[in-house]
Amino acid sequence: DTTVDYTLNGWCPSGLVEAPSFLGYEYSARHLASWG
């Protein structure tokens, strides 16, 4: 994850994908959802 183009433009240059940082805690989100 080397650029911040999405931050200002809402898109990434060709050959790059948006870095989904918000999915990085899914291991905990699913665990806590299982506890209500």
All heavy atoms as atom14 arrays in JSON, in Angstrom:
{
  "sequence": "DTTVDYTLNGWCPSGLVEAPSFLGYEYSARHLASWG",
  "atom14_mask": [
    [1, 1, 1, 1, 1, 1, 1, 1, 0, 0, 0, 0, 0, 0],
    [1, 1, 1, 1, 1, 1, 1, 0, 0, 0, 0, 0, 0, 0],
    [1, 1, 1, 1, 1, 1, 1, 0, 0, 0, 0, 0, 0, 0],
    [1, 1, 1, 1, 1, 1, 1, 0, 0, 0, 0, 0, 0, 0],
    [1, 1, 1, 1, 1, 1, 1, 1, 0, 0, 0, 0, 0, 0],
    [1, 1, 1, 1, 1, 1, 1, 1, 1, 1, 1, 1, 0, 0],
    [1, 1, 1, 1, 1, 1, 1, 0, 0, 0, 0, 0, 0, 0],
    [1, 1, 1, 1, 1, 1, 1, 1, 0, 0, 0, 0, 0, 0],
    [1, 1, 1, 1, 1, 1, 1, 1, 0, 0, 0, 0, 0, 0],
    [1, 1, 1, 1, 0, 0, 0, 0, 0, 0, 0, 0, 0, 0],
    [1, 1, 1, 1, 1, 1, 1, 1, 1, 1, 1, 1, 1, 1],
    [1, 1, 1, 1, 1, 1, 0, 0, 0, 0, 0, 0, 0, 0],
    [1, 1, 1, 1, 1, 1, 1, 0, 0, 0, 0, 0, 0, 0],
    [1, 1, 1, 1, 1, 1, 0, 0, 0, 0, 0, 0, 0, 0],
    [1, 1, 1, 1, 0, 0, 0, 0, 0, 0, 0, 0, 0, 0],
    [1, 1, 1, 1, 1, 1, 1, 1, 0, 0, 0, 0, 0, 0],
    [1, 1, 1, 1, 1, 1, 1, 0, 0, 0, 0, 0, 0, 0],
    [1, 1, 1, 1, 1, 1, 1, 1, 1, 0, 0, 0, 0, 0],
    [1, 1, 1, 1, 1, 0, 0, 0, 0, 0, 0, 0, 0, 0],
    [1, 1, 1, 1, 1, 1, 1, 0, 0, 0, 0, 0, 0, 0],
    [1, 1, 1, 1, 1, 1, 0, 0, 0, 0, 0, 0, 0, 0],
    [1, 1, 1, 1, 1, 1, 1, 1, 1, 1, 1, 0, 0, 0],
    [1, 1, 1, 1, 1, 1, 1, 1, 0, 0, 0, 0, 0, 0],
    [1, 1, 1, 1, 0, 0, 0, 0, 0, 0, 0, 0, 0, 0],
    [1, 1, 1, 1, 1, 1, 1, 1, 1, 1, 1, 1, 0, 0],
    [1, 1, 1, 1, 1, 1, 1, 1, 1, 0, 0, 0, 0, 0],
    [1, 1, 1, 1, 1, 1, 1, 1, 1, 1, 1, 1, 0, 0],
    [1, 1, 1, 1, 1, 1, 0, 0, 0, 0, 0, 0, 0, 0],
    [1, 1, 1, 1, 1, 0, 0, 0, 0, 0, 0, 0, 0, 0],
    [1, 1, 1, 1, 1, 1, 1, 1, 1, 1, 1, 0, 0, 0],
    [1, 1, 1, 1, 1, 1, 1, 1, 1, 1, 0, 0, 0, 0],
    [1, 1, 1, 1, 1, 1, 1, 1, 0, 0, 0, 0, 0, 0],
    [1, 1, 1, 1, 1, 0, 0, 0, 0, 0, 0, 0, 0, 0],
    [1, 1, 1, 1, 1, 1, 0, 0, 0, 0, 0, 0, 0, 0],
    [1, 1, 1, 1, 1, 1, 1, 1, 1, 1, 1, 1, 1, 1],
    [1, 1, 1, 1, 0, 0, 0, 0, 0, 0, 0, 0, 0, 0]
  ],
  "atom14_positions": [
    [[0.86, -1.19, 0.0], [0.0, 0.0, 0.0], [0.89, 1.24, 0.0], [1.3, 1.74, 1.05], [-0.92, -0.03, 1.22], [-1.81, -1.25, 1.23], [-2.17, -1.74, 0.15], [-2.15, -1.73, 2.34], [0.0, 0.0, 0.0], [0.0, 0.0, 0.0], [0.0, 0.0, 0.0], [0.0, 0.0, 0.0], [0.0, 0.0, 0.0], [0.0, 0.0, 0.0]],
    [[1.18, 1.73, -1.2], [2.24, 2.71, -1.36], [1.77, 4.12, -1.72], [2.58, 5.05, -1.7], [3.22, 2.23, -2.45], [2.49, 1.98, -3.66], [3.93, 0.95, -2.02], [0.0, 0.0, 0.0], [0.0, 0.0, 0.0], [0.0, 0.0, 0.0], [0.0, 0.0, 0.0], [0.0, 0.0, 0.0], [0.0, 0.0, 0.0], [0.0, 0.0, 0.0]],
    [[0.51, 4.32, -2.08], [0.06, 5.65, -2.46], [-1.22, 6.01, -1.71], [-1.88, 5.16, -1.12], [-0.21, 5.77, -3.99], [-1.5, 5.21, -4.29], [0.86, 5.06, -4.81], [0.0, 0.0, 0.0], [0.0, 0.0, 0.0], [0.0, 0.0, 0.0], [0.0, 0.0, 0.0], [0.0, 0.0, 0.0], [0.0, 0.0, 0.0], [0.0, 0.0, 0.0]],
    [[-1.58, 7.3, -1.76], [-2.81, 7.78, -1.1], [-3.74, 8.44, -2.12], [-4.52, 9.33, -1.77], [-2.48, 8.75, 0.06], [-1.75, 8.02, 1.16], [-1.67, 9.94, -0.43], [0.0, 0.0, 0.0], [0.0, 0.0, 0.0], [0.0, 0.0, 0.0], [0.0, 0.0, 0.0], [0.0, 0.0, 0.0], [0.0, 0.0, 0.0], [0.0, 0.0, 0.0]],
    [[-3.68, 7.99, -3.36], [-4.52, 8.6, -4.41], [-6.0, 8.54, -4.06], [-6.75, 9.48, -4.34], [-4.27, 7.89, -5.75], [-2.87, 8.13, -6.28], [-1.97, 7.37, -5.9], [-2.68, 9.09, -7.04], [0.0, 0.0, 0.0], [0.0, 0.0, 0.0], [0.0, 0.0, 0.0], [0.0, 0.0, 0.0], [0.0, 0.0, 0.0], [0.0, 0.0, 0.0]],
    [[-6.44, 7.43, -3.45], [-7.87, 7.31, -3.16], [-8.32, 8.38, -2.17], [-9.47, 8.85, -2.24], [-8.19, 5.92, -2.6], [-9.67, 5.63, -2.63], [-10.22, 4.92, -3.68], [-10.53, 6.11, -1.64], [-11.6, 4.68, -3.74], [-11.89, 5.88, -1.69], [-12.42, 5.17, -2.75], [-13.77, 4.97, -2.81], [0.0, 0.0, 0.0], [0.0, 0.0, 0.0]],
    [[-7.45, 8.79, -1.29], [-7.81, 9.76, -0.26], [-8.36, 11.05, -0.86], [-9.38, 11.58, -0.41], [-6.58, 10.09, 0.59], [-5.99, 8.87, 1.05], [-6.95, 10.98, 1.77], [0.0, 0.0, 0.0], [0.0, 0.0, 0.0], [0.0, 0.0, 0.0], [0.0, 0.0, 0.0], [0.0, 0.0, 0.0], [0.0, 0.0, 0.0], [0.0, 0.0, 0.0]],
    [[-7.7, 11.55, -1.89], [-8.08, 12.83, -2.48], [-9.01, 12.68, -3.68], [-9.83, 13.56, -3.95], [-6.82, 13.6, -2.9], [-5.85, 13.95, -1.75], [-4.61, 14.61, -2.31], [-6.54, 14.84, -0.73], [0.0, 0.0, 0.0], [0.0, 0.0, 0.0], [0.0, 0.0, 0.0], [0.0, 0.0, 0.0], [0.0, 0.0, 0.0], [0.0, 0.0, 0.0]],
    [[-8.89, 11.56, -4.42], [-9.59, 11.43, -5.69], [-10.77, 10.47, -5.67], [-11.64, 10.54, -6.54], [-8.61, 10.95, -6.78], [-7.39, 11.84, -6.88], [-7.5, 13.06, -6.79], [-6.21, 11.23, -7.08], [0.0, 0.0, 0.0], [0.0, 0.0, 0.0], [0.0, 0.0, 0.0], [0.0, 0.0, 0.0], [0.0, 0.0, 0.0], [0.0, 0.0, 0.0]],
    [[-10.78, 9.56, -4.71], [-11.83, 8.55, -4.69], [-11.6, 7.43, -5.67], [-12.51, 6.64, -5.96], [0.0, 0.0, 0.0], [0.0, 0.0, 0.0], [0.0, 0.0, 0.0], [0.0, 0.0, 0.0], [0.0, 0.0, 0.0], [0.0, 0.0, 0.0], [0.0, 0.0, 0.0], [0.0, 0.0, 0.0], [0.0, 0.0, 0.0], [0.0, 0.0, 0.0]],
    [[-10.39, 7.32, -6.2], [-10.04, 6.21, -7.09], [-8.54, 5.98, -7.02], [-7.78, 6.83, -6.55], [-10.46, 6.48, -8.53], [-10.05, 7.84, -9.06], [-10.79, 8.98, -9.07], [-8.78, 8.2, -9.63], [-10.09, 10.03, -9.6], [-8.85, 9.58, -9.97], [-7.6, 7.51, -9.9], [-7.78, 10.27, -10.55], [-6.53, 8.19, -10.48], [-6.63, 9.55, -10.81]],
    [[-8.12, 4.78, -7.46], [-6.71, 4.42, -7.48], [-6.21, 4.34, -8.92], [-6.97, 4.01, -9.83], [-6.49, 3.06, -6.8], [-6.75, 3.1, -5.02], [0.0, 0.0, 0.0], [0.0, 0.0, 0.0], [0.0, 0.0, 0.0], [0.0, 0.0, 0.0], [0.0, 0.0, 0.0], [0.0, 0.0, 0.0], [0.0, 0.0, 0.0], [0.0, 0.0, 0.0]],
    [[-4.95, 4.64, -9.16], [-4.39, 4.54, -10.51], [-4.48, 3.13, -11.06], [-4.61, 2.15, -10.31], [-2.92, 4.97, -10.32], [-2.89, 5.73, -9.03], [-3.96, 5.12, -8.18], [0.0, 0.0, 0.0], [0.0, 0.0, 0.0], [0.0, 0.0, 0.0], [0.0, 0.0, 0.0], [0.0, 0.0, 0.0], [0.0, 0.0, 0.0], [0.0, 0.0, 0.0]],
    [[-4.39, 3.02, -12.34], [-4.43, 1.72, -13.01], [-3.34, 0.8, -12.44], [-2.2, 1.21, -12.24], [-4.22, 1.9, -14.51], [-4.19, 0.65, -15.16], [0.0, 0.0, 0.0], [0.0, 0.0, 0.0], [0.0, 0.0, 0.0], [0.0, 0.0, 0.0], [0.0, 0.0, 0.0], [0.0, 0.0, 0.0], [0.0, 0.0, 0.0], [0.0, 0.0, 0.0]],
    [[-3.73, -0.43, -12.17], [-2.79, -1.4, -11.65], [-2.78, -1.47, -10.13], [-2.15, -2.38, -9.56], [0.0, 0.0, 0.0], [0.0, 0.0, 0.0], [0.0, 0.0, 0.0], [0.0, 0.0, 0.0], [0.0, 0.0, 0.0], [0.0, 0.0, 0.0], [0.0, 0.0, 0.0], [0.0, 0.0, 0.0], [0.0, 0.0, 0.0], [0.0, 0.0, 0.0]],
    [[-3.47, -0.53, -9.47], [-3.55, -0.53, -8.02], [-5.0, -0.73, -7.57], [-5.93, -0.45, -8.33], [-3.01, 0.78, -7.44], [-1.57, 1.16, -7.78], [-1.2, 2.47, -7.08], [-0.59, 0.06, -7.4], [0.0, 0.0, 0.0], [0.0, 0.0, 0.0], [0.0, 0.0, 0.0], [0.0, 0.0, 0.0], [0.0, 0.0, 0.0], [0.0, 0.0, 0.0]],
    [[-5.18, -1.19, -6.35], [-6.52, -1.4, -5.8], [-6.64, -0.61, -4.5], [-5.64, -0.3, -3.84], [-6.78, -2.89, -5.53], [-6.73, -3.69, -6.81], [-5.79, -3.46, -4.5], [0.0, 0.0, 0.0], [0.0, 0.0, 0.0], [0.0, 0.0, 0.0], [0.0, 0.0, 0.0], [0.0, 0.0, 0.0], [0.0, 0.0, 0.0], [0.0, 0.0, 0.0]],
    [[-7.89, -0.29, -4.11], [-8.07, 0.4, -2.84], [-7.68, -0.53, -1.69], [-8.05, -1.7, -1.66], [-9.52, 0.84, -2.66], [-9.72, 1.64, -1.37], [-11.16, 1.99, -1.07], [-12.05, 1.61, -1.85], [-11.4, 2.65, -0.03], [0.0, 0.0, 0.0], [0.0, 0.0, 0.0], [0.0, 0.0, 0.0], [0.0, 0.0, 0.0], [0.0, 0.0, 0.0]],
    [[-6.95, 0.02, -0.73], [-6.54, -0.74, 0.45], [-7.7, -0.76, 1.45], [-8.07, 0.29, 1.98], [-5.31, -0.12, 1.08], [0.0, 0.0, 0.0], [0.0, 0.0, 0.0], [0.0, 0.0, 0.0], [0.0, 0.0, 0.0], [0.0, 0.0, 0.0], [0.0, 0.0, 0.0], [0.0, 0.0, 0.0], [0.0, 0.0, 0.0], [0.0, 0.0, 0.0]],
    [[-8.29, -1.93, 1.72], [-9.47, -1.99, 2.6], [-9.09, -2.1, 4.07], [-9.37, -3.11, 4.75], [-10.18, -3.25, 2.1], [-9.06, -4.15, 1.67], [-7.98, -3.24, 1.14], [0.0, 0.0, 0.0], [0.0, 0.0, 0.0], [0.0, 0.0, 0.0], [0.0, 0.0, 0.0], [0.0, 0.0, 0.0], [0.0, 0.0, 0.0], [0.0, 0.0, 0.0]],
    [[-8.5, -1.05, 4.62], [-8.05, -1.1, 6.01], [-9.18, -1.45, 6.97], [-8.96, -2.07, 8.01], [-7.44, 0.24, 6.41], [-6.25, 0.5, 5.7], [0.0, 0.0, 0.0], [0.0, 0.0, 0.0], [0.0, 0.0, 0.0], [0.0, 0.0, 0.0], [0.0, 0.0, 0.0], [0.0, 0.0, 0.0], [0.0, 0.0, 0.0], [0.0, 0.0, 0.0]],
    [[-10.4, -1.04, 6.63], [-11.54, -1.26, 7.53], [-11.9, -2.72, 7.7], [-12.61, -3.09, 8.64], [-12.75, -0.46, 7.04], [-13.44, -1.03, 5.82], [-14.67, -1.66, 5.92], [-12.86, -0.94, 4.56], [-15.31, -2.17, 4.81], [-13.49, -1.43, 3.43], [-14.72, -2.06, 3.55], [0.0, 0.0, 0.0], [0.0, 0.0, 0.0], [0.0, 0.0, 0.0]],
    [[-11.41, -3.59, 6.8], [-11.66, -5.02, 6.93], [-10.6, -5.72, 7.77], [-10.69, -6.92, 8.01], [-11.74, -5.67, 5.54], [-12.86, -5.2, 4.63], [-12.8, -5.91, 3.29], [-14.23, -5.4, 5.28], [0.0, 0.0, 0.0], [0.0, 0.0, 0.0], [0.0, 0.0, 0.0], [0.0, 0.0, 0.0], [0.0, 0.0, 0.0], [0.0, 0.0, 0.0]],
    [[-9.61, -4.96, 8.23], [-8.47, -5.56, 8.91], [-8.75, -6.06, 10.31], [-7.9, -6.73, 10.91], [0.0, 0.0, 0.0], [0.0, 0.0, 0.0], [0.0, 0.0, 0.0], [0.0, 0.0, 0.0], [0.0, 0.0, 0.0], [0.0, 0.0, 0.0], [0.0, 0.0, 0.0], [0.0, 0.0, 0.0], [0.0, 0.0, 0.0], [0.0, 0.0, 0.0]],
    [[-9.92, -5.74, 10.86], [-10.28, -6.2, 12.21], [-11.46, -7.17, 12.15], [-12.15, -7.38, 13.16], [-10.62, -5.01, 13.11], [-9.62, -3.89, 12.97], [-9.93, -2.75, 12.23], [-8.34, -3.99, 13.51], [-9.01, -1.73, 12.05], [-7.41, -2.97, 13.33], [-7.75, -1.85, 12.61], [-6.83, -0.85, 12.42], [0.0, 0.0, 0.0], [0.0, 0.0, 0.0]],
    [[-11.67, -7.76, 10.97], [-12.81, -8.65, 10.8], [-12.73, -9.85, 11.75], [-13.75, -10.37, 12.2], [-12.9, -9.12, 9.35], [-14.21, -9.75, 9.01], [-14.55, -9.62, 7.53], [-13.92, -10.33, 6.72], [-15.44, -8.8, 7.18], [0.0, 0.0, 0.0], [0.0, 0.0, 0.0], [0.0, 0.0, 0.0], [0.0, 0.0, 0.0], [0.0, 0.0, 0.0]],
    [[-11.51, -10.28, 12.07], [-11.35, -11.4, 13.01], [-12.0, -11.08, 14.35], [-12.53, -11.96, 15.03], [-9.87, -11.75, 13.19], [-9.01, -10.63, 13.75], [-8.84, -10.47, 15.12], [-8.36, -9.73, 12.91], [-8.05, -9.45, 15.64], [-7.57, -8.71, 13.41], [-7.42, -8.57, 14.78], [-6.64, -7.55, 15.29], [0.0, 0.0, 0.0], [0.0, 0.0, 0.0]],
    [[-11.96, -9.81, 14.76], [-12.58, -9.41, 16.03], [-14.04, -9.06, 15.85], [-14.87, -9.38, 16.71], [-11.83, -8.21, 16.62], [-12.39, -7.81, 17.85], [0.0, 0.0, 0.0], [0.0, 0.0, 0.0], [0.0, 0.0, 0.0], [0.0, 0.0, 0.0], [0.0, 0.0, 0.0], [0.0, 0.0, 0.0], [0.0, 0.0, 0.0], [0.0, 0.0, 0.0]],
    [[-14.39, -8.4, 14.74], [-15.78, -8.01, 14.5], [-16.69, -9.24, 14.47], [-17.77, -9.25, 15.08], [-15.88, -7.24, 13.19], [0.0, 0.0, 0.0], [0.0, 0.0, 0.0], [0.0, 0.0, 0.0], [0.0, 0.0, 0.0], [0.0, 0.0, 0.0], [0.0, 0.0, 0.0], [0.0, 0.0, 0.0], [0.0, 0.0, 0.0], [0.0, 0.0, 0.0]],
    [[-16.27, -10.28, 13.78], [-17.08, -11.5, 13.71], [-17.17, -12.18, 15.07], [-18.22, -12.71, 15.46], [-16.5, -12.45, 12.66], [-16.74, -11.96, 11.23], [-16.02, -12.8, 10.21], [-16.43, -12.46, 8.85], [-15.78, -12.83, 7.75], [-14.68, -13.57, 7.84], [-16.23, -12.48, 6.56], [0.0, 0.0, 0.0], [0.0, 0.0, 0.0], [0.0, 0.0, 0.0]],
    [[-16.06, -12.19, 15.8], [-16.05, -12.79, 17.13], [-17.03, -12.07, 18.05], [-17.84, -12.71, 18.75], [-14.63, -12.71, 17.69], [-14.45, -13.35, 19.03], [-14.83, -14.63, 19.31], [-13.9, -12.87, 20.19], [-14.53, -14.93, 20.56], [-13.98, -13.87, 21.12], [0.0, 0.0, 0.0], [0.0, 0.0, 0.0], [0.0, 0.0, 0.0], [0.0, 0.0, 0.0]],
    [[-17.0, -10.75, 18.04], [-17.88, -9.98, 18.92], [-19.35, -10.06, 18.47], [-20.26, -10.07, 19.3], [-17.41, -8.53, 18.98], [-16.12, -8.35, 19.81], [-15.42, -7.06, 19.47], [-16.44, -8.41, 21.3], [0.0, 0.0, 0.0], [0.0, 0.0, 0.0], [0.0, 0.0, 0.0], [0.0, 0.0, 0.0], [0.0, 0.0, 0.0], [0.0, 0.0, 0.0]],
    [[-19.57, -10.14, 17.15], [-20.94, -10.32, 16.66], [-21.51, -11.64, 17.16], [-22.71, -11.73, 17.48], [-20.97, -10.25, 15.14], [0.0, 0.0, 0.0], [0.0, 0.0, 0.0], [0.0, 0.0, 0.0], [0.0, 0.0, 0.0], [0.0, 0.0, 0.0], [0.0, 0.0, 0.0], [0.0, 0.0, 0.0], [0.0, 0.0, 0.0], [0.0, 0.0, 0.0]],
    [[-20.66, -12.66, 17.26], [-21.14, -13.96, 17.76], [-21.51, -13.9, 19.24], [-22.19, -14.79, 19.75], [-20.07, -15.04, 17.52], [-19.05, -15.0, 18.5], [0.0, 0.0, 0.0], [0.0, 0.0, 0.0], [0.0, 0.0, 0.0], [0.0, 0.0, 0.0], [0.0, 0.0, 0.0], [0.0, 0.0, 0.0], [0.0, 0.0, 0.0], [0.0, 0.0, 0.0]],
    [[-21.08, -12.85, 19.92], [-21.43, -12.65, 21.32], [-22.52, -11.6, 21.5], [-22.76, -11.11, 22.6], [-20.19, -12.27, 22.13], [-19.32, -13.46, 22.39], [-18.21, -13.85, 21.7], [-19.51, -14.44, 23.42], [-17.69, -15.0, 22.22], [-18.46, -15.39, 23.28], [-20.44, -14.61, 24.43], [-18.35, -16.5, 24.13], [-20.33, -15.71, 25.27], [-19.29, -16.64, 25.12]],
    [[-23.17, -11.23, 20.41], [-24.33, -10.37, 20.52], [-24.07, -8.89, 20.39], [-24.89, -8.08, 20.82], [0.0, 0.0, 0.0], [0.0, 0.0, 0.0], [0.0, 0.0, 0.0], [0.0, 0.0, 0.0], [0.0, 0.0, 0.0], [0.0, 0.0, 0.0], [0.0, 0.0, 0.0], [0.0, 0.0, 0.0], [0.0, 0.0, 0.0], [0.0, 0.0, 0.0]]
  ]
}
